[in-house]
């Protein structure tokens, strides 16, 4: 076993500073091109005299950490695990490409020892920079474009080694030398830290700190591809075609302003998806051509002819009873494998209710450690939209948070789309049996009590809210964010002083809050540029008071 001494050069304007850290590797007369030390990977950048830095490194091999460009490290024998991933430098080549009146150069990198082929395509026309990674053993096909990594299964006809050799023999590519394929990628799931750690190391490095989604690829013709790029709805797949039944998959246009035919029904016609989702929702349904209903079809799917409005479309896209399993303790470098296997977990449940006219979504998080149980209920209008004031209709008091013995009632914020929350939970679950604390970011808020509901307001509550709040105190509330320090202080029984209150007396009045109950829940991270899956929101119900601070 060996220890690695990390030599890090920090370049300043007039001087260079050497910073030393201990890690792991092996002494060797030659330089391993790419090595893995602990959980980090390093690439050889030079061979130079490291003795001048007084760092006592074992060789003159100088490396760059793959996740830290321009960093410099050298190594010394120690105790941490190491692995030389590739002794030799990869084969690099370039391919000049001409498309119409535009030319660009594609970079090709093939590492024979690992079998990884990387293609780097610069921005051209209206396409952003793209990086492709292929690896045959793991059947990896990855595209990074627009700060999102999209992982798909490697096509069965694609041989990585043969393709790499073909690039080496090709000097230039003209317009007539290529066949263009048009591929649409349908997002199937999104991967958290546990699943990422199982992937090819090159994928882990490339996709660090950006979303990594598992996709299914669909081949379309150029006309359909251009329609999709312009925002039109297209049929992306006939999933199954039998004599009795065809299964179709179609996606809505991008919301929330998906007016007109926001979803085109494969069975004919279409419907608006306005103010239902802030994104795009894909639905698979059956078209039946026989007298006997749904012969040869997947009975778990909806019949396309039954999708007639927003509500029935959402019914077909959301599954009830999805449970999310979450490890609630964070790992660090000292966490052993046994400790990882014994991590405390919780199971948060999601239920989608079709009972009655107005659909509802319920998220339930159990009590754990020093945090109580929390239930969140949100419901739609009977016509399928979720926010007050849409189409001139009223939709008040359609969100409830039950914390302790109190139900806090409010009107759903216009930037919160429960359909996206439910769809996102399904996507996370499909990609991860378990997520870690590393897959979430914390947020903190308090619920201010605005007083009881009127009798009329109580009567008008959705049935799923009334049934969960039997015997509880019903209160109107406003949710306000607080800092982590304030949240921790509340949880630890401290009083938080807020704004001053004007007073004519010698007494200086000060508002304050004290904690009553604490709960939490997790919802999908709305930041589509982040690798973080969840927002872990910690909620406090509080008691408000005013105190006198004497001079």
Protein backbone atom coordinates (compact mmCIF):
# COMPACT_ATOMS: atom_id res chain seq x y z
CA UNK A 1 0.00 0.00 0.00
CA UNK A 2 1.23 3.47 -0.65
CA UNK A 3 0.72 7.07 0.14
CA UNK A 4 0.46 9.85 -2.37
CA UNK A 5 1.88 13.30 -1.80
CA UNK A 6 -0.13 15.75 -3.83
CA UNK A 7 1.86 18.66 -5.26
CA UNK A 8 -0.54 21.43 -6.15
CA UNK A 9 0.79 24.45 -8.04
CA UNK A 10 -1.25 27.59 -7.50
CA UNK A 11 -0.18 30.17 -10.06
CA UNK A 12 -0.27 33.78 -8.90
CA UNK A 13 0.50 36.92 -10.85
CA UNK A 14 4.13 37.23 -9.77
CA UNK A 15 4.91 34.00 -7.94
CA UNK A 16 4.04 30.31 -7.61
CA UNK A 17 2.86 28.73 -4.35
CA UNK A 18 3.33 25.05 -3.58
CA UNK A 19 0.62 23.41 -1.49
CA UNK A 20 1.06 19.80 -0.32
CA UNK A 21 -1.57 17.21 0.51
CA UNK A 22 -1.21 13.55 1.35
CA UNK A 23 -2.98 10.84 -0.63
CA UNK A 24 -1.96 7.59 -2.33
CA UNK A 25 -0.10 5.92 -5.21
CA UNK A 26 2.80 3.58 -5.98
CA UNK A 27 6.46 4.38 -6.77
CA UNK A 28 7.34 3.37 -10.32
CA UNK A 29 10.23 4.07 -12.66
CA UNK A 30 7.70 4.84 -15.41
CA UNK A 31 4.67 7.12 -15.28
CA UNK A 32 1.21 5.61 -15.34
CA UNK A 33 -0.81 7.79 -17.73
CA UNK A 34 -4.10 7.66 -15.79
CA UNK A 35 -4.45 6.52 -12.20
CA UNK A 36 -7.20 6.28 -9.62
CA UNK A 37 -6.34 7.17 -6.01
CA UNK A 38 -9.13 6.62 -3.54
CA UNK A 39 -12.17 8.07 -5.31
CA UNK A 40 -10.21 10.59 -7.42
CA UNK A 41 -8.67 10.15 -10.86
CA UNK A 42 -5.51 11.79 -12.20
CA UNK A 43 -4.01 12.19 -15.68
CA UNK A 44 -0.30 12.57 -16.44
CA UNK A 45 0.59 16.05 -17.72
CA UNK A 46 4.40 16.14 -17.52
CA UNK A 47 7.59 14.63 -16.19
CA UNK A 48 9.70 17.19 -14.35
CA UNK A 49 11.99 17.56 -11.37
CA UNK A 50 9.77 17.47 -8.28
CA UNK A 51 12.65 17.64 -5.78
CA UNK A 52 12.84 21.42 -6.09
CA UNK A 53 9.51 21.69 -4.29
CA UNK A 54 10.94 19.81 -1.26
CA UNK A 55 7.96 17.48 -1.40
CA UNK A 56 9.80 14.13 -1.28
CA UNK A 57 7.75 12.63 -4.13
CA UNK A 58 8.67 9.16 -5.34
CA UNK A 59 8.95 10.09 -9.02
CA UNK A 60 8.99 13.01 -11.41
CA UNK A 61 5.51 12.15 -12.68
CA UNK A 62 3.22 15.20 -12.40
CA UNK A 63 -0.54 14.80 -12.69
CA UNK A 64 -3.70 16.82 -13.06
CA UNK A 65 -6.84 15.87 -11.16
CA UNK A 66 -9.54 15.24 -13.76
CA UNK A 67 -12.13 17.24 -11.85
CA UNK A 68 -9.73 20.15 -11.18
CA UNK A 69 -8.23 21.59 -14.39
CA UNK A 70 -4.75 23.14 -14.06
CA UNK A 71 -4.11 21.39 -10.73
CA UNK A 72 -0.74 19.66 -10.31
CA UNK A 73 0.05 16.65 -8.12
CA UNK A 74 2.97 14.33 -7.45
CA UNK A 75 2.92 11.18 -5.34
CA UNK A 76 4.57 9.48 -2.38
CA UNK A 77 4.12 5.95 -0.97
CA UNK A 78 1.35 5.58 1.61
CA UNK A 79 -1.74 3.65 2.72
CA UNK A 80 -4.65 4.60 0.44
CA UNK A 81 -5.78 2.29 -2.39
CA UNK A 82 -4.61 3.04 -5.93
CA UNK A 83 -5.16 1.70 -9.41
CA UNK A 84 -3.41 2.44 -12.70
CA UNK A 85 -6.31 2.66 -15.15
CA UNK A 86 -4.13 3.12 -18.23
CA UNK A 87 -0.37 2.81 -18.61
CA UNK A 88 -0.25 4.47 -22.03
CA UNK A 89 -1.59 7.75 -23.39
CA UNK A 90 -4.72 7.38 -25.54
CA UNK A 91 -4.65 7.63 -29.32
CA UNK A 92 -5.68 11.13 -30.40
CA UNK A 93 -6.76 12.21 -33.84
CA UNK A 94 -8.83 14.90 -35.50
CA UNK A 95 -11.41 14.78 -38.25
CA UNK A 96 -12.08 17.92 -40.32
CA UNK A 97 -15.76 17.98 -41.32
CA UNK A 98 -17.47 20.12 -43.96
CA UNK A 99 -21.21 20.77 -43.68
CA UNK A 100 -22.50 23.08 -46.37
CA UNK A 101 -20.59 26.37 -46.10
CA UNK A 102 -19.32 25.59 -42.60
CA UNK A 103 -16.33 23.53 -41.53
CA UNK A 104 -15.25 22.35 -38.08
CA UNK A 105 -12.88 19.84 -36.53
CA UNK A 106 -14.03 16.86 -34.45
CA UNK A 107 -11.56 15.51 -31.87
CA UNK A 108 -11.29 11.73 -31.37
CA UNK A 109 -9.71 10.15 -28.27
CA UNK A 110 -9.47 6.36 -27.96
CA UNK A 111 -7.97 4.61 -24.94
CA UNK A 112 -7.24 1.04 -26.03
CA UNK A 113 -6.57 -0.18 -22.49
CA UNK A 114 -9.98 0.85 -21.19
CA UNK A 115 -11.86 0.59 -24.50
CA UNK A 116 -13.30 4.10 -24.12
CA UNK A 117 -13.91 6.21 -27.23
CA UNK A 118 -14.53 9.95 -26.77
CA UNK A 119 -15.71 12.27 -29.55
CA UNK A 120 -15.64 16.04 -29.03
CA UNK A 121 -17.72 18.06 -31.47
CA UNK A 122 -17.41 21.87 -31.33
CA UNK A 123 -20.42 24.22 -31.65
CA UNK A 124 -21.59 24.61 -35.24
CA UNK A 125 -24.71 25.91 -36.94
CA UNK A 126 -27.22 26.18 -34.08
CA UNK A 127 -25.88 23.10 -32.22
CA UNK A 128 -24.06 23.45 -28.91
CA UNK A 129 -20.77 21.75 -28.08
CA UNK A 130 -21.23 17.99 -27.71
CA UNK A 131 -19.12 15.26 -26.14
CA UNK A 132 -19.85 11.58 -26.87
CA UNK A 133 -18.49 8.69 -24.78
CA UNK A 134 -18.73 5.04 -25.90
CA UNK A 135 -17.58 1.92 -24.04
CA UNK A 136 -18.41 -1.55 -25.28
CA UNK A 137 -17.99 -3.72 -22.17
CA UNK A 138 -20.55 -1.74 -20.16
CA UNK A 139 -22.62 -0.94 -23.30
CA UNK A 140 -22.27 2.75 -22.54
CA UNK A 141 -23.41 5.46 -24.93
CA UNK A 142 -23.35 8.96 -23.47
CA UNK A 143 -23.93 12.43 -24.85
CA UNK A 144 -23.08 15.60 -22.93
CA UNK A 145 -24.62 18.69 -24.46
CA UNK A 146 -25.97 21.88 -22.96
CA UNK A 147 -24.71 20.97 -19.46
CA UNK A 148 -26.79 17.79 -19.36
CA UNK A 149 -25.48 14.22 -19.65
CA UNK A 150 -27.75 11.74 -21.42
CA UNK A 151 -26.96 8.05 -20.94
CA UNK A 152 -28.39 5.44 -23.31
CA UNK A 153 -27.73 1.83 -24.23
CA UNK A 154 -25.02 1.33 -26.83
CA UNK A 155 -26.65 0.33 -30.17
CA UNK A 156 -26.07 -3.36 -30.94
CA UNK A 157 -24.63 -2.51 -34.36
CA UNK A 158 -22.01 -0.12 -32.95
CA UNK A 159 -18.53 -1.59 -32.43
CA UNK A 160 -16.35 0.85 -30.46
CA UNK A 161 -12.93 -0.51 -31.51
CA UNK A 162 -13.89 -0.72 -35.17
CA UNK A 163 -15.26 2.82 -35.10
CA UNK A 164 -12.07 4.10 -33.48
CA UNK A 165 -9.96 2.44 -36.18
CA UNK A 166 -12.20 3.97 -38.84
CA UNK A 167 -11.61 7.46 -37.48
CA UNK A 168 -7.84 6.88 -37.57
CA UNK A 169 -7.95 5.99 -41.27
CA UNK A 170 -10.22 8.86 -42.31
CA UNK A 171 -8.44 12.11 -43.23
CA UNK A 172 -11.39 14.43 -43.95
CA UNK A 173 -15.17 14.15 -44.11
CA UNK A 174 -17.15 15.97 -46.78
CA UNK A 175 -20.91 16.37 -47.07
CA UNK A 176 -21.21 13.33 -49.35
CA UNK A 177 -19.18 11.05 -47.07
CA UNK A 178 -21.75 10.75 -44.33
CA UNK A 179 -25.19 9.40 -43.57
CA UNK A 180 -27.16 11.55 -41.08
CA UNK A 181 -29.28 9.92 -38.39
CA UNK A 182 -31.87 11.91 -36.47
CA UNK A 183 -32.25 10.76 -32.88
CA UNK A 184 -34.63 12.00 -30.19
CA UNK A 185 -33.83 11.15 -26.58
CA UNK A 186 -36.74 10.47 -24.26
CA UNK A 187 -35.89 10.92 -20.57
CA UNK A 188 -36.64 7.72 -18.69
CA UNK A 189 -34.96 8.38 -15.32
CA UNK A 190 -32.36 10.51 -13.54
CA UNK A 191 -29.40 9.04 -11.69
CA UNK A 192 -28.16 9.85 -8.18
CA UNK A 193 -24.71 9.46 -6.63
CA UNK A 194 -25.01 5.72 -5.93
CA UNK A 195 -25.88 4.89 -9.55
CA UNK A 196 -23.28 7.34 -10.89
CA UNK A 197 -20.54 5.53 -8.94
CA UNK A 198 -21.34 2.34 -10.89
CA UNK A 199 -20.68 3.96 -14.29
CA UNK A 200 -17.54 4.13 -16.41
CA UNK A 201 -15.00 6.48 -14.78
CA UNK A 202 -14.87 8.73 -17.86
CA UNK A 203 -18.62 9.28 -17.56
CA UNK A 204 -18.33 10.08 -13.86
CA UNK A 205 -15.66 12.70 -14.53
CA UNK A 206 -17.40 14.25 -17.52
CA UNK A 207 -20.79 14.47 -15.78
CA UNK A 208 -19.62 15.69 -12.39
CA UNK A 209 -22.01 18.40 -11.08
CA UNK A 210 -24.44 18.24 -14.02
CA UNK A 211 -27.68 16.25 -14.38
CA UNK A 212 -27.22 12.66 -15.59
CA UNK A 213 -30.37 11.24 -17.13
CA UNK A 214 -31.05 7.80 -18.56
CA UNK A 215 -32.71 8.09 -21.94
CA UNK A 216 -34.28 5.94 -24.57
CA UNK A 217 -33.28 6.82 -28.13
CA UNK A 218 -35.78 7.05 -30.97
CA UNK A 219 -34.88 7.31 -34.64
CA UNK A 220 -37.00 9.79 -36.62
CA UNK A 221 -36.78 11.29 -40.09
CA UNK A 222 -35.47 14.80 -40.76
CA UNK A 223 -38.95 16.29 -41.18
CA UNK A 224 -40.14 15.02 -37.79
CA UNK A 225 -36.86 16.10 -36.16
CA UNK A 226 -37.23 19.67 -37.42
CA UNK A 227 -40.88 19.75 -36.30
CA UNK A 228 -39.81 18.75 -32.79
CA UNK A 229 -37.08 21.42 -32.70
CA UNK A 230 -39.73 24.04 -33.56
CA UNK A 231 -41.85 22.93 -30.60
CA UNK A 232 -44.43 20.86 -32.45
CA UNK A 233 -45.83 17.62 -31.01
CA UNK A 234 -44.72 14.49 -32.87
CA UNK A 235 -45.25 10.75 -32.49
CA UNK A 236 -41.90 9.42 -31.27
CA UNK A 237 -42.65 5.71 -31.14
CA UNK A 238 -45.03 2.95 -32.06
CA UNK A 239 -44.15 0.79 -29.07
CA UNK A 240 -46.05 -2.30 -30.18
CA UNK A 241 -48.00 -3.02 -33.31
CA UNK A 242 -50.21 -6.10 -33.40
CA UNK A 243 -53.26 -6.94 -35.42
CA UNK A 244 -55.44 -5.84 -32.53
CA UNK A 245 -53.59 -2.97 -30.88
CA UNK A 246 -50.97 -0.23 -31.33
CA UNK A 247 -49.19 1.35 -28.35
CA UNK A 248 -48.29 5.01 -28.95
CA UNK A 249 -46.03 7.33 -26.98
CA UNK A 250 -46.47 11.10 -27.28
CA UNK A 251 -45.22 14.07 -25.26
CA UNK A 252 -46.81 17.42 -24.50
CA UNK A 253 -45.30 20.67 -25.69
CA UNK A 254 -43.27 22.60 -23.12
CA UNK A 255 -45.38 24.23 -20.40
CA UNK A 256 -46.82 26.03 -18.62
CA UNK A 257 -48.12 27.88 -21.71
CA UNK A 258 -48.87 24.70 -23.69
CA UNK A 259 -51.95 26.21 -25.32
CA UNK A 260 -53.70 24.99 -28.44
CA UNK A 261 -53.05 21.30 -28.92
CA UNK A 262 -50.52 20.95 -26.11
CA UNK A 263 -50.96 17.18 -26.45
CA UNK A 264 -51.97 15.60 -29.75
CA UNK A 265 -53.96 12.41 -29.29
CA UNK A 266 -52.72 9.49 -31.44
CA UNK A 267 -56.36 8.44 -31.74
CA UNK A 268 -57.26 11.84 -33.24
CA UNK A 269 -57.80 15.35 -31.94
CA UNK A 270 -55.89 16.95 -29.09
CA UNK A 271 -56.17 19.02 -25.94
CA UNK A 272 -54.66 21.98 -24.15
CA UNK A 273 -52.10 21.39 -21.39
CA UNK A 274 -52.06 25.02 -20.26
CA UNK A 275 -51.01 25.63 -16.63
CA UNK A 276 -50.69 21.92 -15.82
CA UNK A 277 -46.92 21.48 -16.04
CA UNK A 278 -43.85 23.71 -16.35
CA UNK A 279 -42.15 21.01 -18.46
CA UNK A 280 -43.12 18.26 -20.88
CA UNK A 281 -45.04 15.11 -19.94
CA UNK A 282 -44.89 11.91 -22.02
CA UNK A 283 -47.83 9.52 -22.13
CA UNK A 284 -48.08 6.03 -23.61
CA UNK A 285 -51.55 4.82 -24.59
CA UNK A 286 -53.25 2.06 -26.59
CA UNK A 287 -55.16 2.33 -29.83
CA UNK A 288 -57.50 -0.62 -30.23
CA UNK A 289 -58.87 -1.71 -33.58
CA UNK A 290 -60.91 -4.73 -32.58
CA UNK A 291 -64.44 -5.17 -31.33
CA UNK A 292 -63.20 -6.69 -28.08
CA UNK A 293 -61.72 -3.78 -26.05
CA UNK A 294 -57.93 -3.69 -25.69
CA UNK A 295 -57.16 -7.14 -27.09
CA UNK A 296 -53.37 -7.48 -27.40
CA UNK A 297 -52.75 -4.26 -25.49
CA UNK A 298 -50.91 -3.54 -22.25
CA UNK A 299 -53.84 -3.27 -19.84
CA UNK A 300 -51.79 -1.12 -17.44
CA UNK A 301 -51.92 1.69 -20.02
CA UNK A 302 -54.79 4.00 -20.85
CA UNK A 303 -56.76 3.74 -24.05
CA UNK A 304 -55.91 6.76 -26.22
CA UNK A 305 -59.62 7.31 -26.87
CA UNK A 306 -60.18 7.77 -23.12
CA UNK A 307 -57.80 10.75 -22.93
CA UNK A 308 -60.20 13.63 -23.49
CA UNK A 309 -59.03 16.41 -21.17
CA UNK A 310 -56.22 17.57 -18.85
CA UNK A 311 -57.38 15.42 -15.97
CA UNK A 312 -57.44 12.16 -17.94
CA UNK A 313 -54.04 12.97 -19.46
CA UNK A 314 -52.50 13.49 -16.00
CA UNK A 315 -54.25 10.32 -14.77
CA UNK A 316 -52.40 8.37 -17.45
CA UNK A 317 -48.98 9.90 -16.70
CA UNK A 318 -48.88 9.60 -12.88
CA UNK A 319 -48.76 6.39 -10.89
CA UNK A 320 -49.93 6.29 -7.29
CA UNK A 321 -48.11 4.48 -4.50
CA UNK A 322 -44.54 5.45 -5.45
CA UNK A 323 -42.21 5.06 -2.44
CA UNK A 324 -38.85 6.82 -2.36
CA UNK A 325 -36.13 5.24 -0.19
CA UNK A 326 -33.57 7.73 1.11
CA UNK A 327 -30.37 7.38 3.14
CA UNK A 328 -30.43 10.31 5.54
CA UNK A 329 -26.78 10.38 6.68
CA UNK A 330 -24.01 11.85 4.56
CA UNK A 331 -20.95 9.78 3.65
CA UNK A 332 -17.41 11.03 3.97
CA UNK A 333 -13.91 9.71 3.30
CA UNK A 334 -13.86 7.84 6.63
CA UNK A 335 -17.22 6.09 6.16
CA UNK A 336 -16.58 2.33 6.05
CA UNK A 337 -18.44 -0.10 3.79
CA UNK A 338 -20.13 -1.60 6.86
CA UNK A 339 -21.28 1.84 7.98
CA UNK A 340 -22.59 2.52 4.47
CA UNK A 341 -24.62 -0.69 4.59
CA UNK A 342 -26.05 0.27 8.00
CA UNK A 343 -27.08 3.79 7.00
CA UNK A 344 -30.45 4.82 8.48
CA UNK A 345 -33.09 5.17 5.80
CA UNK A 346 -36.59 6.54 5.52
CA UNK A 347 -39.34 5.88 3.00
CA UNK A 348 -41.32 8.84 1.70
CA UNK A 349 -44.56 7.91 -0.03
CA UNK A 350 -46.53 9.57 -2.83
CA UNK A 351 -50.22 9.00 -3.48
CA UNK A 352 -52.21 10.35 -6.43
CA UNK A 353 -55.94 10.34 -5.84
CA UNK A 354 -58.53 10.14 -8.61
CA UNK A 355 -61.44 10.10 -6.16
CA UNK A 356 -63.96 12.84 -6.81
CA UNK A 357 -63.73 15.52 -9.46
CA UNK A 358 -60.55 17.32 -8.35
CA UNK A 359 -57.36 15.26 -8.39
CA UNK A 360 -54.96 15.45 -5.45
CA UNK A 361 -51.35 14.62 -4.70
CA UNK A 362 -50.17 13.61 -1.21
CA UNK A 363 -46.56 13.34 -0.05
CA UNK A 364 -45.99 11.69 3.34
CA UNK A 365 -42.66 11.77 5.17
CA UNK A 366 -42.36 9.73 8.39
CA UNK A 367 -40.93 10.86 11.72
CA UNK A 368 -37.22 10.17 12.06
CA UNK A 369 -34.44 11.17 14.45
CA UNK A 370 -35.53 14.52 15.98
CA UNK A 371 -37.91 15.44 13.12
CA UNK A 372 -41.64 14.78 13.18
CA UNK A 373 -43.92 13.40 10.49
CA UNK A 374 -45.13 15.73 7.73
CA UNK A 375 -47.95 15.33 5.22
CA UNK A 376 -48.35 17.60 2.20
CA UNK A 377 -51.57 17.60 0.14
CA UNK A 378 -52.09 19.61 -3.06
CA UNK A 379 -55.14 19.42 -5.27
CA UNK A 380 -56.31 20.66 -8.66
CA UNK A 381 -59.48 22.26 -9.92
CA UNK A 382 -62.05 19.78 -11.21
CA UNK A 383 -61.14 20.94 -14.74
CA UNK A 384 -57.50 19.91 -14.29
CA UNK A 385 -55.62 23.16 -13.58
CA UNK A 386 -53.85 23.84 -10.28
CA UNK A 387 -53.61 27.59 -9.67
CA UNK A 388 -56.01 30.27 -8.52
CA UNK A 389 -57.27 32.76 -11.10
CA UNK A 390 -56.75 30.53 -14.17
CA UNK A 391 -59.60 30.86 -16.67
CA UNK A 392 -61.35 33.21 -14.24
CA UNK A 393 -62.06 30.40 -11.80
CA UNK A 394 -61.38 30.30 -8.08
CA UNK A 395 -59.09 27.76 -6.46
CA UNK A 396 -58.35 28.74 -2.87
CA UNK A 397 -56.90 26.75 0.04
CA UNK A 398 -55.64 23.89 -2.15
CA UNK A 399 -52.43 23.12 -0.26
CA UNK A 400 -52.14 21.60 3.22
CA UNK A 401 -49.15 20.80 5.42
CA UNK A 402 -49.93 18.69 8.47
CA UNK A 403 -47.35 19.10 11.19
CA UNK A 404 -47.96 17.87 14.72
CA UNK A 405 -51.64 18.37 15.55
CA UNK A 406 -52.10 21.29 13.16
CA UNK A 407 -53.09 21.47 9.52
CA UNK A 408 -51.71 24.57 7.82
CA UNK A 409 -53.81 25.63 4.86
CA UNK A 410 -52.68 27.90 2.01
CA UNK A 411 -53.24 28.51 -1.68
CA UNK A 412 -50.75 26.78 -3.96
CA UNK A 413 -48.05 29.12 -5.29
CA UNK A 414 -48.25 29.79 -9.02
CA UNK A 415 -44.69 28.52 -9.64
CA UNK A 416 -45.38 25.13 -8.00
CA UNK A 417 -46.71 22.41 -10.33
CA UNK A 418 -47.71 19.23 -8.46
CA UNK A 419 -47.78 17.28 -11.73
CA UNK A 420 -44.06 18.04 -12.16
CA UNK A 421 -43.41 16.98 -8.55
CA UNK A 422 -45.17 13.65 -9.11
CA UNK A 423 -43.57 13.06 -12.50
CA UNK A 424 -40.15 13.96 -11.07
CA UNK A 425 -40.57 11.54 -8.17
CA UNK A 426 -41.36 8.77 -10.67
CA UNK A 427 -38.28 9.63 -12.73
CA UNK A 428 -36.03 9.60 -9.64
CA UNK A 429 -37.50 6.31 -8.42
CA UNK A 430 -37.06 4.65 -11.81
CA UNK A 431 -33.36 5.51 -11.84
CA UNK A 432 -32.52 4.85 -8.17
CA UNK A 433 -33.62 2.18 -5.74
CA UNK A 434 -32.04 4.30 -2.99
CA UNK A 435 -30.83 7.90 -2.98
CA UNK A 436 -28.26 9.37 -0.61
CA UNK A 437 -28.06 12.54 1.44
CA UNK A 438 -25.47 13.65 -1.14
CA UNK A 439 -28.30 13.73 -3.69
CA UNK A 440 -30.17 16.53 -1.94
CA UNK A 441 -29.83 20.17 -0.98
CA UNK A 442 -31.40 21.56 2.20
CA UNK A 443 -33.95 24.37 2.34
CA UNK A 444 -35.54 25.80 5.48
CA UNK A 445 -38.86 27.55 6.12
CA UNK A 446 -41.27 28.52 8.89
CA UNK A 447 -45.08 28.50 8.82
CA UNK A 448 -46.60 31.63 10.33
CA UNK A 449 -50.06 31.14 11.79
CA UNK A 450 -52.58 33.56 10.19
CA UNK A 451 -55.52 32.41 12.27
CA UNK A 452 -58.34 29.88 11.90
CA UNK A 453 -60.36 29.20 8.78
CA UNK A 454 -63.95 30.36 8.53
CA UNK A 455 -66.73 27.80 8.58
CA UNK A 456 -67.26 28.34 4.86
CA UNK A 457 -63.54 27.81 4.16
CA UNK A 458 -63.52 24.58 6.17
CA UNK A 459 -66.57 23.32 4.30
CA UNK A 460 -64.93 24.09 0.96
CA UNK A 461 -61.77 22.08 1.64
CA UNK A 462 -60.94 19.12 -0.56
CA UNK A 463 -61.99 15.75 0.88
CA UNK A 464 -58.37 14.53 1.03
CA UNK A 465 -57.52 17.52 3.23
CA UNK A 466 -60.59 17.21 5.46
CA UNK A 467 -60.06 13.48 6.04
CA UNK A 468 -56.42 13.96 7.09
CA UNK A 469 -57.23 16.87 9.37
CA UNK A 470 -60.04 15.33 11.44
CA UNK A 471 -59.43 16.31 15.05
CA UNK A 472 -56.58 18.68 14.11
CA UNK A 473 -56.38 22.45 14.30
CA UNK A 474 -57.05 24.08 10.94
CA UNK A 475 -55.00 27.25 10.40
CA UNK A 476 -54.31 29.58 7.55
CA UNK A 477 -50.59 30.20 7.11
CA UNK A 478 -47.87 31.86 5.12
CA UNK A 479 -44.59 30.07 4.42
CA UNK A 480 -41.39 32.10 4.80
CA UNK A 481 -37.80 30.93 4.16
CA UNK A 482 -35.22 31.09 6.96
CA UNK A 483 -31.49 30.40 7.08
CA UNK A 484 -29.94 27.11 8.15
CA UNK A 485 -28.58 28.76 11.30
CA UNK A 486 -32.06 30.03 12.22
CA UNK A 487 -33.58 26.62 11.45
CA UNK A 488 -31.01 24.82 13.61
CA UNK A 489 -31.57 27.29 16.44
CA UNK A 490 -35.32 26.71 16.32
CA UNK A 491 -34.87 22.94 16.33
CA UNK A 492 -32.54 23.25 19.33
CA UNK A 493 -35.12 25.24 21.34
CA UNK A 494 -33.63 28.70 20.88
CA UNK A 495 -35.66 31.85 20.34
CA UNK A 496 -35.18 33.79 17.08
CA UNK A 497 -35.54 37.57 17.26
CA UNK A 498 -36.92 39.21 14.13
CA UNK A 499 -38.02 42.74 13.26
CA UNK A 500 -38.32 45.64 15.68
CA UNK A 501 -41.79 46.99 16.45
CA UNK A 502 -42.30 50.78 16.56
CA UNK A 503 -43.04 52.05 20.07
CA UNK A 504 -43.36 55.44 21.76
CA UNK A 505 -42.39 54.12 25.14
CA UNK A 506 -38.93 53.51 26.54
CA UNK A 507 -39.48 49.84 25.86
CA UNK A 508 -37.90 48.59 22.63
CA UNK A 509 -40.36 46.07 21.19
CA UNK A 510 -38.95 43.08 19.33
CA UNK A 511 -40.74 40.35 17.41
CA UNK A 512 -39.61 36.79 17.93
CA UNK A 513 -40.50 33.18 17.16
CA UNK A 514 -40.09 29.87 18.99
CA UNK A 515 -40.38 26.37 17.54
CA UNK A 516 -43.48 24.24 18.03
CA UNK A 517 -43.09 21.32 15.63
CA UNK A 518 -40.52 20.38 12.98
CA UNK A 519 -41.05 18.18 9.93
CA UNK A 520 -39.52 17.72 6.50
CA UNK A 521 -40.24 16.43 3.02
CA UNK A 522 -38.37 15.97 -0.24
CA UNK A 523 -39.45 17.13 -3.68
CA UNK A 524 -37.60 16.97 -7.02
CA UNK A 525 -35.03 19.72 -7.53
CA UNK A 526 -36.54 22.26 -9.96
CA UNK A 527 -33.04 23.35 -11.05
CA UNK A 528 -32.59 21.44 -14.31
CA UNK A 529 -28.89 22.36 -14.46
CA UNK A 530 -27.97 20.66 -11.17
CA UNK A 531 -26.83 17.11 -10.42
CA UNK A 532 -28.79 17.29 -7.12
CA UNK A 533 -31.99 15.22 -7.27
CA UNK A 534 -33.96 16.43 -4.25
CA UNK A 535 -34.73 19.57 -2.32
CA UNK A 536 -34.95 18.53 1.34
CA UNK A 537 -37.20 21.15 2.91
CA UNK A 538 -37.24 21.40 6.71
CA UNK A 539 -40.44 23.03 7.96
CA UNK A 540 -41.07 24.61 11.38
CA UNK A 541 -44.40 25.61 12.85
CA UNK A 542 -43.71 28.46 15.25
CA UNK A 543 -45.17 30.51 18.06
CA UNK A 544 -44.89 34.26 17.56
CA UNK A 545 -44.40 36.74 20.38
CA UNK A 546 -43.39 40.33 21.06
CA UNK A 547 -40.98 41.13 23.86
CA UNK A 548 -39.67 44.29 25.46
CA UNK A 549 -35.96 45.03 25.36
CA UNK A 550 -35.14 47.70 27.92
CA UNK A 551 -32.18 50.03 27.28
